[in-house]
Structures are given as C-alpha cells and as structure tokens.
Amino acid sequence: MGLFNKFKEMFKKNEEVKNAEEIAKKQEIEIYDKGLEKTRKEFVNELSVLGHKYTTVSEEYFDELENILIMADIGVNTVMSFLDRLKARVKKENIVDTKYLQEVIVDELFIIYVSGESLSDKIKMNPEGPTVILMVGVNGVGKTTTIGKLAYKYKQEGKKVMMIAGDTFRAGAVVQLEEWAKRTNTLFYGKENTDPAGVIYDGLIKAKEEKVDIVLVDTAGRLQNKVNLMKELEKINKVIGTHIPGAPQETLLVIDAATGQNGILQAEAFREITNITGIVLTKLDGTAKGGIVLAIKEAVNIPVKFIGLGEGMEDLRTFDIEAYIYGLFKDMINDGE
C-alpha cells in the first residue's frame, strides 16, 4: 500500500533518521500531528470503532463511513465521489477485510488531493523586483494576523518585507497591521480613510525604493456587496500590475477552518470576483473540521498554501499534504504496526 506503508516505515520506533531532510520532515509531521489532534480524535476514533464493528466490507459499513466522512467536513460531493472510487477499488481488488480497507482509505484520500493537475503549494516568487502577495478574505477570519505571521516567516528567511494596509476604512485595521510590522521588525505603509488603490500605489513606490523582497498587501473583507469589492480589487490589481509587471504574484484567500462548509462558499464567492491562486486555512488546530482541506480542493480546485496550527508566530506552516494525511491518520497507521 502506497502512502500508508510509507508512513509505517517512516515512523517505526527504532528507525534511525539518516539526514537533515528526514529530520526536518519528521519535525514538520510532528507539528501537524499536534495541530490536527482535535480532528483526529473524532474522525479516526470513529473510523476505528467502525473497523471493529464491521470486520468485513458491507453496504452498512459504507453507509456509516459516509456519515463519518461528512461529519469531518470533507463535504458531501467529495465524500460521494470518494466512496464511488473506494467501492470500485473494493470490487476490483476483491477487498473484504475492513482493516485492510482502512489502509486503502488513507491512500485514496491522499489521491483526492494530488490527482488531476499538479497544484503547487509553493509561492510564486518574482525574479525581478518585489514579490507582491495580495491577501483577501472576509473580516474575522484572521487575515491581518496571517499577514503578520507571513511577514515573520519571510523575515526569518532573510527577506526584506513590507506590509501595505489596503483595508483603509475598517476601524483599527491600519493600526493593527502597523503593530504587526513593529512586532516582526518589518516595513509598513498605510493611511486611514482614503482610497485603498492610492495607498497601495504609494506603498509600492516606497517598496521599490527600499528594495523590498516581499510585499504583503491587506485588503478589505466586505463580501456583502460583491460588485463593489470586485471593482475595488480590479483597481488594486491594475495599480499593482502597473508598478510591477506580472504582479501580484499570488492572491491568497484566508479562510477560518472552523467555519467548515461556509469556507467553501467564501472560496467560491471570491473566485468569482478575483483570481485566487492559493488558500490559507487559519485555526485548523482549534476545530474538529480538519477535513475541510480535502473539501476545498475538490470544490474549487485551488491549492492550500498555508495552514494555521496554533497562535504562535511560527505556527503558520507551509501546507504539506503528506504531513496533513499523517496528522489525520496517525493513530490508525501506528495501530497497523
């Protein structure tokens, strides 16, 4: 079995880690392990009970499996297509043992994410001049905090970072972002109660003068009137592209993982009004709805680029599908030893 057995081998208790890359991978997986604990406790515990309740594959088993997957917020459409694939594989391989089928489930959920065209979780960098990352999302999802954590991440990597406050009319938004700039020792540009595109225009002039590597641009989160927001984002994109050809290199949509299926609705709505290149899922550690990662991929086909696994500065992690799958299924995989 592909991924399932790969993890079993990787995490044998007496296995010696051979190089720095393997050490880093193990450490990253341990962070995911901790961050996905709430989802795993509910999701995998239910799967384990199901495996003990039914020792052989049956329609009743599939009915209960369907409910467990939906409760993990993987999404009804994703679950239906997943179960069709699973049943086809059971028939083709003549699988009758539910314990063995659990291994197939791990592999098939992994395949859901990586199948189809290759979705890169890497940030597209600008080889000439600043890399501009435009941040969008409704208010209250942790967008400003995410910008601060991204600034910290890139600062730690030795990049020169600037934040531009494009959410100019929301009370306290500009001041909040400026505070994050102070905390992360990064550059800042912003003005309150003025045209966002104008602020971004002036901020980008400063960014080029300062020879900044990464520019993180905040935007308003008002989705109630999509037409107005679309016009605002079109204007912002035009201003950015005029200053820096090919920019923004990324437009990242920030979604609160705890909102579950509502997060998919947000992704669909924002995709209608601007070109979303990646998703940041915040607060994944605080919810049992960790299956939302798979649902978003299936529903909108936009890669998750970062996930929030805690409140600390360093807890915004680059998304790693293998570490995510292990974080969900660790107990089941280790039980298979």
Protein backbone atom coordinates (compact mmCIF):
# COMPACT_ATOMS: atom_id res chain seq x y z
CA MET A 1 0.00 0.00 0.00
CA GLY A 2 1.48 3.33 -1.06
CA LEU A 3 1.30 6.17 1.45
CA PHE A 4 0.03 4.10 4.38
CA ASN A 5 3.03 1.77 4.30
CA LYS A 6 5.39 4.66 3.62
CA PHE A 7 4.32 6.22 6.93
CA LYS A 8 4.57 2.93 8.79
CA GLU A 9 8.14 2.58 7.61
CA MET A 10 8.96 6.19 8.34
CA PHE A 11 7.73 6.05 11.90
CA LYS A 12 8.97 2.70 13.13
CA LYS A 13 10.09 3.29 16.69
CA ASN A 14 13.66 2.15 16.18
CA GLU A 15 14.19 3.66 12.76
CA GLU A 16 17.25 5.87 12.53
CA VAL A 17 16.78 9.17 10.75
CA LYS A 18 19.59 9.41 8.26
CA ASN A 19 19.86 13.04 7.19
CA ALA A 20 18.79 16.62 7.87
CA GLU A 21 15.98 16.47 5.31
CA GLU A 22 14.42 13.45 7.03
CA ILE A 23 14.80 15.14 10.43
CA ALA A 24 13.02 18.27 9.12
CA LYS A 25 10.24 16.13 7.59
CA LYS A 26 9.72 14.29 10.87
CA GLN A 27 9.60 17.54 12.83
CA GLU A 28 7.06 19.01 10.40
CA ILE A 29 4.88 15.91 10.65
CA GLU A 30 5.01 16.09 14.46
CA ILE A 31 3.71 19.70 14.27
CA TYR A 32 0.82 18.55 12.05
CA ASP A 33 0.24 15.64 14.42
CA LYS A 34 -0.30 18.04 17.31
CA GLY A 35 -2.25 20.61 15.27
CA LEU A 36 -4.75 18.09 13.88
CA GLU A 37 -5.39 16.38 17.20
CA LYS A 38 -8.99 17.59 17.53
CA THR A 39 -9.99 16.35 14.10
CA ARG A 40 -8.11 13.08 14.53
CA LYS A 41 -9.70 12.29 17.90
CA GLU A 42 -13.19 12.48 16.44
CA PHE A 43 -12.53 11.29 12.91
CA VAL A 44 -10.10 8.39 13.41
CA ASN A 45 -11.74 7.21 16.63
CA GLU A 46 -14.99 6.84 14.68
CA LEU A 47 -13.16 5.01 11.87
CA SER A 48 -11.51 2.66 14.37
CA VAL A 49 -14.84 1.87 16.03
CA LEU A 50 -16.31 1.22 12.59
CA GLY A 51 -13.44 -1.18 11.80
CA HIS A 52 -14.16 -3.14 14.96
CA LYS A 53 -17.92 -3.11 14.44
CA TYR A 54 -17.62 -4.49 10.90
CA THR A 55 -14.81 -6.93 10.19
CA THR A 56 -15.95 -7.44 6.61
CA VAL A 57 -16.91 -4.87 3.98
CA SER A 58 -20.66 -4.36 3.56
CA GLU A 59 -23.18 -1.73 2.46
CA GLU A 60 -23.83 -0.97 6.15
CA TYR A 61 -20.09 -0.29 6.57
CA PHE A 62 -20.13 2.15 3.64
CA ASP A 63 -23.26 3.89 4.99
CA GLU A 64 -21.58 4.56 8.34
CA LEU A 65 -18.29 5.51 6.67
CA GLU A 66 -20.16 8.08 4.59
CA ASN A 67 -21.55 9.71 7.72
CA ILE A 68 -18.14 9.79 9.44
CA LEU A 69 -16.51 11.46 6.44
CA ILE A 70 -19.26 14.09 6.17
CA MET A 71 -19.00 14.84 9.91
CA ALA A 72 -15.26 15.52 9.41
CA ASP A 73 -16.39 18.26 6.99
CA ILE A 74 -14.87 16.64 3.93
CA GLY A 75 -18.03 17.72 2.12
CA VAL A 76 -20.94 15.78 0.64
CA ASN A 77 -19.82 15.97 -3.00
CA THR A 78 -16.26 14.98 -2.13
CA VAL A 79 -17.50 12.10 0.02
CA MET A 80 -19.82 10.79 -2.71
CA SER A 81 -17.10 10.74 -5.38
CA PHE A 82 -14.63 9.29 -2.86
CA LEU A 83 -16.99 6.45 -1.93
CA ASP A 84 -17.59 5.65 -5.61
CA ARG A 85 -13.84 5.29 -6.12
CA LEU A 86 -13.49 3.26 -2.94
CA LYS A 87 -16.27 0.85 -3.91
CA ALA A 88 -14.77 0.43 -7.39
CA ARG A 89 -11.42 -0.43 -5.86
CA VAL A 90 -13.01 -2.87 -3.38
CA LYS A 91 -14.70 -4.65 -6.26
CA LYS A 92 -11.62 -4.65 -8.49
CA GLU A 93 -9.24 -5.91 -5.77
CA ASN A 94 -11.87 -8.10 -4.08
CA ILE A 95 -11.26 -6.45 -0.69
CA VAL A 96 -13.31 -7.96 2.15
CA ASP A 97 -11.27 -7.12 5.28
CA THR A 98 -12.17 -3.71 6.77
CA LYS A 99 -8.78 -3.43 8.50
CA TYR A 100 -7.08 -3.64 5.11
CA LEU A 101 -9.68 -1.24 3.70
CA GLN A 102 -8.58 1.38 6.24
CA GLU A 103 -5.20 1.42 4.51
CA VAL A 104 -6.95 1.95 1.18
CA ILE A 105 -8.96 4.85 2.69
CA VAL A 106 -5.74 6.64 3.72
CA ASP A 107 -4.26 6.24 0.24
CA GLU A 108 -7.43 7.25 -1.59
CA LEU A 109 -7.92 10.43 0.47
CA PHE A 110 -4.33 11.36 -0.37
CA ILE A 111 -5.04 10.71 -4.06
CA ILE A 112 -8.08 13.06 -3.90
CA TYR A 113 -5.73 15.94 -3.16
CA VAL A 114 -2.90 15.13 -5.56
CA SER A 115 -4.96 13.85 -8.50
CA GLY A 116 -5.68 15.93 -11.58
CA GLU A 117 -3.40 18.78 -12.50
CA SER A 118 -0.45 19.46 -10.23
CA LEU A 119 -1.40 22.16 -7.74
CA SER A 120 1.68 23.81 -6.34
CA ASP A 121 1.78 24.73 -2.66
CA LYS A 122 4.85 26.89 -3.41
CA ILE A 123 4.65 30.67 -3.53
CA LYS A 124 5.50 32.07 -6.97
CA MET A 125 8.41 34.44 -6.49
CA ASN A 126 9.22 37.42 -8.68
CA PRO A 127 12.78 37.02 -10.06
CA GLU A 128 12.97 40.76 -10.71
CA GLY A 129 11.88 43.23 -8.07
CA PRO A 130 9.43 42.72 -5.20
CA THR A 131 7.16 39.68 -4.94
CA VAL A 132 3.66 41.01 -4.25
CA ILE A 133 1.24 38.82 -2.27
CA LEU A 134 -2.31 40.17 -2.16
CA MET A 135 -4.33 38.96 0.82
CA VAL A 136 -8.14 38.70 0.62
CA GLY A 137 -10.86 37.28 2.86
CA VAL A 138 -13.91 38.26 4.89
CA ASN A 139 -13.47 40.12 8.16
CA GLY A 140 -12.89 37.97 11.23
CA VAL A 141 -11.04 35.06 9.60
CA GLY A 142 -7.61 36.13 10.90
CA LYS A 143 -6.39 37.87 7.73
CA THR A 144 -4.35 40.59 9.48
CA THR A 145 -2.80 38.09 11.89
CA THR A 146 -1.96 35.83 8.94
CA ILE A 147 -0.18 38.72 7.20
CA GLY A 148 1.83 39.31 10.37
CA LYS A 149 2.79 35.64 10.58
CA LEU A 150 3.76 35.56 6.90
CA ALA A 151 5.91 38.66 7.45
CA TYR A 152 7.61 36.89 10.37
CA LYS A 153 8.18 33.75 8.28
CA TYR A 154 9.83 35.63 5.41
CA LYS A 155 11.81 37.85 7.79
CA GLN A 156 13.21 34.69 9.43
CA GLU A 157 14.22 33.51 5.95
CA GLY A 158 16.31 36.65 5.50
CA LYS A 159 13.86 38.52 3.24
CA LYS A 160 13.19 42.25 3.40
CA VAL A 161 9.44 42.51 3.98
CA MET A 162 6.89 45.33 3.75
CA MET A 163 3.21 45.36 4.70
CA ILE A 164 0.78 47.70 2.94
CA ALA A 165 -2.54 48.46 4.64
CA GLY A 166 -5.15 48.36 1.88
CA ASP A 167 -8.05 47.88 4.32
CA THR A 168 -8.27 51.62 4.86
CA PHE A 169 -11.85 52.17 6.08
CA ARG A 170 -12.31 49.43 8.71
CA ALA A 171 -11.79 50.91 12.17
CA GLY A 172 -8.40 49.97 13.59
CA ALA A 173 -7.30 47.87 10.59
CA VAL A 174 -4.38 50.13 9.61
CA VAL A 175 -3.15 50.48 13.20
CA GLN A 176 -3.43 46.72 13.75
CA LEU A 177 -1.27 45.98 10.71
CA GLU A 178 1.26 48.61 11.77
CA GLU A 179 1.53 46.88 15.15
CA TRP A 180 2.33 43.62 13.37
CA ALA A 181 5.05 45.40 11.40
CA LYS A 182 6.61 46.58 14.67
CA ARG A 183 6.38 43.11 16.21
CA THR A 184 8.04 41.47 13.20
CA ASN A 185 10.53 44.32 12.58
CA THR A 186 9.32 44.76 9.01
CA LEU A 187 8.48 47.84 6.93
CA PHE A 188 4.98 49.32 6.81
CA TYR A 189 2.95 51.72 4.69
CA GLY A 190 -0.62 52.79 5.35
CA LYS A 191 -3.12 55.62 5.69
CA GLU A 192 -6.61 55.54 7.17
CA ASN A 193 -9.86 56.60 5.47
CA THR A 194 -8.50 57.01 1.97
CA ASP A 195 -8.63 55.23 -1.40
CA PRO A 196 -7.06 51.75 -0.97
CA ALA A 197 -5.62 51.69 -4.51
CA GLY A 198 -3.93 55.06 -3.87
CA VAL A 199 -2.36 53.80 -0.65
CA ILE A 200 -1.12 50.67 -2.39
CA TYR A 201 0.26 52.78 -5.27
CA ASP A 202 2.30 54.92 -2.86
CA GLY A 203 3.32 51.90 -0.81
CA LEU A 204 4.73 50.11 -3.85
CA ILE A 205 6.81 53.17 -4.76
CA LYS A 206 8.33 53.01 -1.28
CA ALA A 207 8.80 49.22 -1.56
CA LYS A 208 10.81 49.63 -4.76
CA GLU A 209 12.86 52.47 -3.26
CA GLU A 210 13.64 50.29 -0.23
CA LYS A 211 14.46 47.29 -2.46
CA VAL A 212 11.94 45.12 -0.62
CA ASP A 213 11.80 41.36 -1.41
CA ILE A 214 8.24 40.59 -0.28
CA VAL A 215 5.24 42.95 -0.21
CA LEU A 216 2.17 41.75 1.71
CA VAL A 217 -0.94 43.75 0.80
CA ASP A 218 -4.01 43.74 3.06
CA THR A 219 -7.45 44.37 1.52
CA ALA A 220 -10.99 45.00 2.76
CA GLY A 221 -13.10 41.99 3.69
CA ARG A 222 -16.53 43.26 2.73
CA LEU A 223 -18.20 40.46 0.79
CA GLN A 224 -21.75 41.76 1.30
CA ASN A 225 -21.56 43.82 -1.88
CA LYS A 226 -19.57 41.71 -4.32
CA VAL A 227 -19.82 44.25 -7.15
CA ASN A 228 -18.12 46.99 -5.11
CA LEU A 229 -15.43 44.63 -3.85
CA MET A 230 -14.83 43.32 -7.37
CA LYS A 231 -14.34 46.88 -8.66
CA GLU A 232 -12.01 47.67 -5.77
CA LEU A 233 -9.90 44.55 -6.34
CA GLU A 234 -9.79 45.17 -10.09
CA LYS A 235 -8.47 48.67 -9.42
CA ILE A 236 -5.93 47.35 -6.91
CA ASN A 237 -4.72 44.66 -9.31
CA LYS A 238 -4.35 47.23 -12.08
CA VAL A 239 -2.31 49.54 -9.83
CA ILE A 240 -0.05 46.69 -8.70
CA GLY A 241 0.45 45.44 -12.27
CA THR A 242 1.32 48.97 -13.48
CA HIS A 243 4.05 49.28 -10.85
CA ILE A 244 5.39 45.75 -11.04
CA PRO A 245 4.76 43.77 -14.26
CA GLY A 246 3.24 40.35 -13.57
CA ALA A 247 2.25 41.27 -10.01
CA PRO A 248 0.55 40.31 -7.81
CA GLN A 249 2.43 37.03 -7.97
CA GLU A 250 -0.08 35.50 -5.53
CA THR A 251 -3.59 36.31 -4.35
CA LEU A 252 -4.20 34.31 -1.18
CA LEU A 253 -7.67 33.82 0.28
CA VAL A 254 -7.73 33.48 4.07
CA ILE A 255 -10.42 31.15 5.46
CA ASP A 256 -11.18 30.22 9.07
CA ALA A 257 -11.16 26.39 9.13
CA ALA A 258 -13.74 26.35 11.94
CA THR A 259 -16.38 27.76 9.57
CA GLY A 260 -16.37 24.43 7.72
CA GLN A 261 -18.53 24.33 4.62
CA ASN A 262 -19.09 28.10 4.85
CA GLY A 263 -15.40 28.41 3.99
CA ILE A 264 -16.10 26.72 0.66
CA LEU A 265 -18.87 29.25 -0.04
CA GLN A 266 -16.38 32.04 0.66
CA ALA A 267 -13.84 30.44 -1.70
CA GLU A 268 -16.46 30.17 -4.45
CA ALA A 269 -17.58 33.78 -3.92
CA PHE A 270 -14.06 35.24 -4.00
CA ARG A 271 -13.12 33.14 -7.02
CA GLU A 272 -15.96 34.88 -8.88
CA ILE A 273 -14.55 38.34 -8.20
CA THR A 274 -10.78 37.90 -8.45
CA ASN A 275 -8.08 35.40 -9.41
CA ILE A 276 -7.36 33.35 -6.27
CA THR A 277 -4.06 31.46 -6.53
CA GLY A 278 -3.98 29.87 -3.10
CA ILE A 279 -5.76 29.43 0.22
CA VAL A 280 -4.62 29.99 3.79
CA LEU A 281 -6.60 27.96 6.34
CA THR A 282 -6.40 29.51 9.80
CA LYS A 283 -7.25 27.96 13.19
CA LEU A 284 -7.08 24.37 11.91
CA ASP A 285 -5.80 23.27 15.33
CA GLY A 286 -8.92 24.59 17.07
CA THR A 287 -11.51 22.61 15.11
CA ALA A 288 -12.58 19.03 14.51
CA LYS A 289 -13.42 20.00 10.90
CA GLY A 290 -9.94 19.34 9.51
CA GLY A 291 -11.42 17.52 6.52
CA ILE A 292 -12.17 20.95 5.04
CA VAL A 293 -8.73 20.82 3.36
CA LEU A 294 -9.90 17.99 1.10
CA ALA A 295 -13.32 19.55 0.53
CA ILE A 296 -11.84 22.85 -0.65
CA LYS A 297 -9.52 21.10 -3.10
CA GLU A 298 -12.43 19.12 -4.56
CA ALA A 299 -14.87 22.05 -4.64
CA VAL A 300 -12.77 24.92 -6.03
CA ASN A 301 -9.52 23.26 -7.15
CA ILE A 302 -7.35 25.92 -5.52
CA PRO A 303 -4.29 24.73 -3.57
CA VAL A 304 -3.99 25.26 0.17
CA LYS A 305 -0.65 27.06 0.54
CA PHE A 306 -0.51 27.69 4.30
CA ILE A 307 -2.33 26.40 7.37
CA GLY A 308 -2.56 27.82 10.88
CA LEU A 309 -1.77 25.24 13.55
CA GLY A 310 -1.55 27.49 16.61
CA GLU A 311 -1.43 31.06 17.87
CA GLY A 312 2.36 31.48 17.86
CA MET A 313 4.27 33.44 15.21
CA GLU A 314 5.84 30.24 13.88
CA ASP A 315 2.57 28.29 13.77
CA LEU A 316 1.65 29.30 10.23
CA ARG A 317 3.03 26.37 8.22
CA THR A 318 3.54 25.79 4.52
CA PHE A 319 0.95 23.17 3.60
CA ASP A 320 2.31 19.63 3.28
CA ILE A 321 -0.23 17.06 2.09
CA GLU A 322 1.72 14.06 3.40
CA ALA A 323 2.11 15.63 6.85
CA TYR A 324 -1.59 16.51 6.80
CA ILE A 325 -2.67 12.96 5.95
CA TYR A 326 -0.38 11.58 8.64
CA GLY A 327 -1.76 14.10 11.15
CA LEU A 328 -5.28 12.84 10.42
CA PHE A 329 -4.49 9.11 10.46
CA LYS A 330 -1.52 8.76 12.82
CA ASP A 331 -3.32 6.58 15.37
CA MET A 332 -4.70 4.27 12.69
CA ILE A 333 -1.34 3.99 10.92
CA ASN A 334 0.55 3.22 14.12
CA ASP A 335 -2.16 0.78 15.14
CA GLY A 336 -1.31 -1.09 11.97
CA GLU A 337 2.19 -1.90 13.25
